[in-house]
Amino acid sequence: MGVTIRKPTARQCEDCGRKEVWNDATSTWCVARDDDGERVAGNVYCIHEWDINGTFVPLENVADADV
């Protein structure tokens, strides 16, 4: 059995609500937009607290092809 390491594609600040999504084309985090097209930038003075110990699990078990 193998293991795949995944990376998150979205994150949200626990303090100010800023939302960001990963942009594969530029390999950077970008401010997300809500349903109305408005940027969810949060507070410019916030030291963003990303939920790094939350529900996202970077390790994913992958079954071997030979089994």
N, C-alpha and C. Protein backbone atom coordinates (compact mmCIF):
# COMPACT_ATOMS: atom_id res chain seq x y z
N MET A 1 0.85 -1.18 0.00
CA MET A 1 0.00 0.00 0.00
C MET A 1 0.89 1.23 0.00
N GLY A 2 0.60 2.18 -0.86
CA GLY A 2 1.38 3.40 -0.95
C GLY A 2 0.66 4.57 -0.30
N VAL A 3 1.38 5.67 -0.19
CA VAL A 3 0.82 6.88 0.40
C VAL A 3 1.03 8.04 -0.56
N THR A 4 -0.01 8.82 -0.77
CA THR A 4 0.07 10.02 -1.59
C THR A 4 -0.01 11.23 -0.67
N ILE A 5 0.85 12.22 -0.90
CA ILE A 5 0.80 13.46 -0.12
C ILE A 5 0.02 14.49 -0.93
N ARG A 6 -1.08 14.97 -0.35
CA ARG A 6 -1.93 15.96 -1.01
C ARG A 6 -1.63 17.34 -0.46
N LYS A 7 -1.93 18.36 -1.22
CA LYS A 7 -1.81 19.74 -0.74
C LYS A 7 -3.20 20.37 -0.73
N PRO A 8 -3.45 21.30 0.17
CA PRO A 8 -4.76 21.95 0.20
C PRO A 8 -4.95 22.84 -1.02
N THR A 9 -6.20 23.03 -1.41
CA THR A 9 -6.51 23.91 -2.54
C THR A 9 -7.29 25.15 -2.11
N ALA A 10 -7.68 25.20 -0.84
CA ALA A 10 -8.40 26.36 -0.31
C ALA A 10 -8.11 26.48 1.17
N ARG A 11 -8.16 27.71 1.68
CA ARG A 11 -7.95 27.95 3.11
C ARG A 11 -8.70 29.20 3.53
N GLN A 12 -9.00 29.29 4.83
CA GLN A 12 -9.73 30.44 5.36
C GLN A 12 -9.13 30.84 6.70
N CYS A 13 -8.92 32.13 6.90
CA CYS A 13 -8.39 32.65 8.16
C CYS A 13 -9.43 32.48 9.26
N GLU A 14 -9.00 31.95 10.39
CA GLU A 14 -9.92 31.74 11.51
C GLU A 14 -10.29 33.04 12.20
N ASP A 15 -9.47 34.09 12.05
CA ASP A 15 -9.73 35.35 12.74
C ASP A 15 -10.58 36.34 11.92
N CYS A 16 -10.19 36.59 10.66
CA CYS A 16 -10.88 37.64 9.89
C CYS A 16 -11.75 37.10 8.76
N GLY A 17 -11.67 35.80 8.46
CA GLY A 17 -12.52 35.23 7.43
C GLY A 17 -11.97 35.29 6.02
N ARG A 18 -10.74 35.80 5.85
CA ARG A 18 -10.13 35.86 4.50
C ARG A 18 -10.12 34.45 3.90
N LYS A 19 -10.50 34.36 2.62
CA LYS A 19 -10.50 33.07 1.92
C LYS A 19 -9.52 33.15 0.75
N GLU A 20 -8.73 32.08 0.60
CA GLU A 20 -7.78 32.01 -0.50
C GLU A 20 -7.89 30.65 -1.18
N VAL A 21 -7.59 30.63 -2.47
CA VAL A 21 -7.57 29.40 -3.25
C VAL A 21 -6.22 29.28 -3.93
N TRP A 22 -5.77 28.05 -4.15
CA TRP A 22 -4.49 27.81 -4.80
C TRP A 22 -4.64 27.96 -6.31
N ASN A 23 -3.72 28.70 -6.93
CA ASN A 23 -3.72 28.91 -8.38
C ASN A 23 -2.55 28.11 -8.96
N ASP A 24 -2.86 27.01 -9.66
CA ASP A 24 -1.82 26.16 -10.25
C ASP A 24 -1.01 26.89 -11.32
N ALA A 25 -1.64 27.81 -12.04
CA ALA A 25 -0.96 28.52 -13.13
C ALA A 25 0.18 29.40 -12.61
N THR A 26 -0.04 30.03 -11.46
CA THR A 26 0.98 30.93 -10.89
C THR A 26 1.70 30.33 -9.69
N SER A 27 1.24 29.17 -9.23
CA SER A 27 1.81 28.49 -8.05
C SER A 27 1.81 29.40 -6.81
N THR A 28 0.68 30.10 -6.61
CA THR A 28 0.53 30.99 -5.46
C THR A 28 -0.90 30.91 -4.92
N TRP A 29 -1.08 31.41 -3.70
CA TRP A 29 -2.41 31.55 -3.12
C TRP A 29 -3.00 32.86 -3.63
N CYS A 30 -4.29 32.85 -4.00
CA CYS A 30 -5.00 34.04 -4.48
C CYS A 30 -6.26 34.24 -3.64
N VAL A 31 -6.65 35.50 -3.47
CA VAL A 31 -7.86 35.80 -2.72
C VAL A 31 -9.06 35.23 -3.46
N ALA A 32 -9.92 34.51 -2.74
CA ALA A 32 -11.11 33.90 -3.33
C ALA A 32 -12.20 34.94 -3.53
N ARG A 33 -13.17 34.59 -4.33
CA ARG A 33 -14.34 35.46 -4.57
C ARG A 33 -15.59 34.73 -4.08
N ASP A 34 -16.54 35.51 -3.56
CA ASP A 34 -17.80 34.91 -3.10
C ASP A 34 -18.74 34.74 -4.29
N ASP A 35 -19.97 34.34 -4.00
CA ASP A 35 -20.95 34.09 -5.07
C ASP A 35 -21.28 35.32 -5.89
N ASP A 36 -21.12 36.52 -5.30
CA ASP A 36 -21.41 37.76 -6.01
C ASP A 36 -20.21 38.29 -6.78
N GLY A 37 -19.08 37.58 -6.71
CA GLY A 37 -17.87 38.03 -7.41
C GLY A 37 -17.00 38.96 -6.60
N GLU A 38 -17.40 39.24 -5.35
CA GLU A 38 -16.62 40.11 -4.48
C GLU A 38 -15.48 39.33 -3.85
N ARG A 39 -14.31 39.96 -3.73
CA ARG A 39 -13.17 39.32 -3.09
C ARG A 39 -13.38 39.20 -1.59
N VAL A 40 -13.04 38.05 -1.02
CA VAL A 40 -13.17 37.81 0.41
C VAL A 40 -11.78 38.03 1.02
N ALA A 41 -11.40 39.33 1.15
CA ALA A 41 -10.04 39.69 1.54
C ALA A 41 -9.83 39.74 3.04
N GLY A 42 -10.88 39.82 3.83
CA GLY A 42 -10.72 39.88 5.28
C GLY A 42 -10.14 41.21 5.72
N ASN A 43 -9.41 41.20 6.82
CA ASN A 43 -8.84 42.40 7.41
C ASN A 43 -7.38 42.53 6.97
N VAL A 44 -7.02 43.67 6.39
CA VAL A 44 -5.67 43.89 5.88
C VAL A 44 -4.63 43.85 7.00
N TYR A 45 -5.01 44.16 8.23
CA TYR A 45 -4.06 44.19 9.35
C TYR A 45 -3.99 42.88 10.13
N CYS A 46 -4.73 41.88 9.70
CA CYS A 46 -4.76 40.59 10.38
C CYS A 46 -3.49 39.79 10.07
N ILE A 47 -2.95 39.15 11.10
CA ILE A 47 -1.89 38.15 10.89
C ILE A 47 -2.65 36.84 10.77
N HIS A 48 -2.88 36.41 9.53
CA HIS A 48 -3.81 35.32 9.25
C HIS A 48 -3.47 34.03 9.97
N GLU A 49 -4.48 33.45 10.57
CA GLU A 49 -4.38 32.19 11.31
C GLU A 49 -5.09 31.13 10.48
N TRP A 50 -4.30 30.41 9.67
CA TRP A 50 -4.86 29.34 8.84
C TRP A 50 -5.05 28.11 9.70
N ASP A 51 -6.09 27.38 9.45
CA ASP A 51 -6.41 26.19 10.24
C ASP A 51 -5.51 25.03 9.81
N ILE A 52 -4.23 25.10 10.21
CA ILE A 52 -3.28 24.08 9.75
C ILE A 52 -3.39 22.77 10.50
N ASN A 53 -4.06 22.76 11.64
CA ASN A 53 -4.23 21.53 12.41
C ASN A 53 -5.68 21.06 12.38
N GLY A 54 -6.41 21.45 11.38
CA GLY A 54 -7.83 21.15 11.32
C GLY A 54 -8.16 19.84 10.65
N THR A 55 -9.16 19.84 9.80
CA THR A 55 -9.70 18.60 9.23
C THR A 55 -8.96 18.14 7.98
N PHE A 56 -8.13 18.99 7.36
CA PHE A 56 -7.41 18.57 6.16
C PHE A 56 -6.33 17.55 6.52
N VAL A 57 -6.34 16.43 5.83
CA VAL A 57 -5.34 15.37 6.07
C VAL A 57 -4.49 15.26 4.81
N PRO A 58 -3.18 15.59 4.90
CA PRO A 58 -2.34 15.58 3.72
C PRO A 58 -1.94 14.19 3.22
N LEU A 59 -2.10 13.16 4.06
CA LEU A 59 -1.72 11.82 3.66
C LEU A 59 -2.95 11.03 3.22
N GLU A 60 -2.83 10.34 2.09
CA GLU A 60 -3.94 9.57 1.55
C GLU A 60 -3.40 8.18 1.17
N ASN A 61 -4.01 7.14 1.70
CA ASN A 61 -3.60 5.78 1.36
C ASN A 61 -4.03 5.44 -0.05
N VAL A 62 -3.11 4.82 -0.79
CA VAL A 62 -3.39 4.41 -2.16
C VAL A 62 -3.11 2.91 -2.25
N ALA A 63 -4.09 2.15 -2.74
CA ALA A 63 -3.91 0.69 -2.88
C ALA A 63 -2.92 0.40 -4.00
N ASP A 64 -2.07 -0.60 -3.79
CA ASP A 64 -1.11 -1.01 -4.83
C ASP A 64 -1.85 -1.59 -6.02
N ALA A 65 -1.33 -1.39 -7.20
CA ALA A 65 -1.97 -1.90 -8.43
C ALA A 65 -1.86 -3.41 -8.54
N ASP A 66 -0.87 -4.03 -7.86
CA ASP A 66 -0.64 -5.47 -7.96
C ASP A 66 -1.56 -6.28 -7.05
N VAL A 67 -2.24 -5.62 -6.12
CA VAL A 67 -3.06 -6.36 -5.14
C VAL A 67 -4.40 -6.68 -5.70
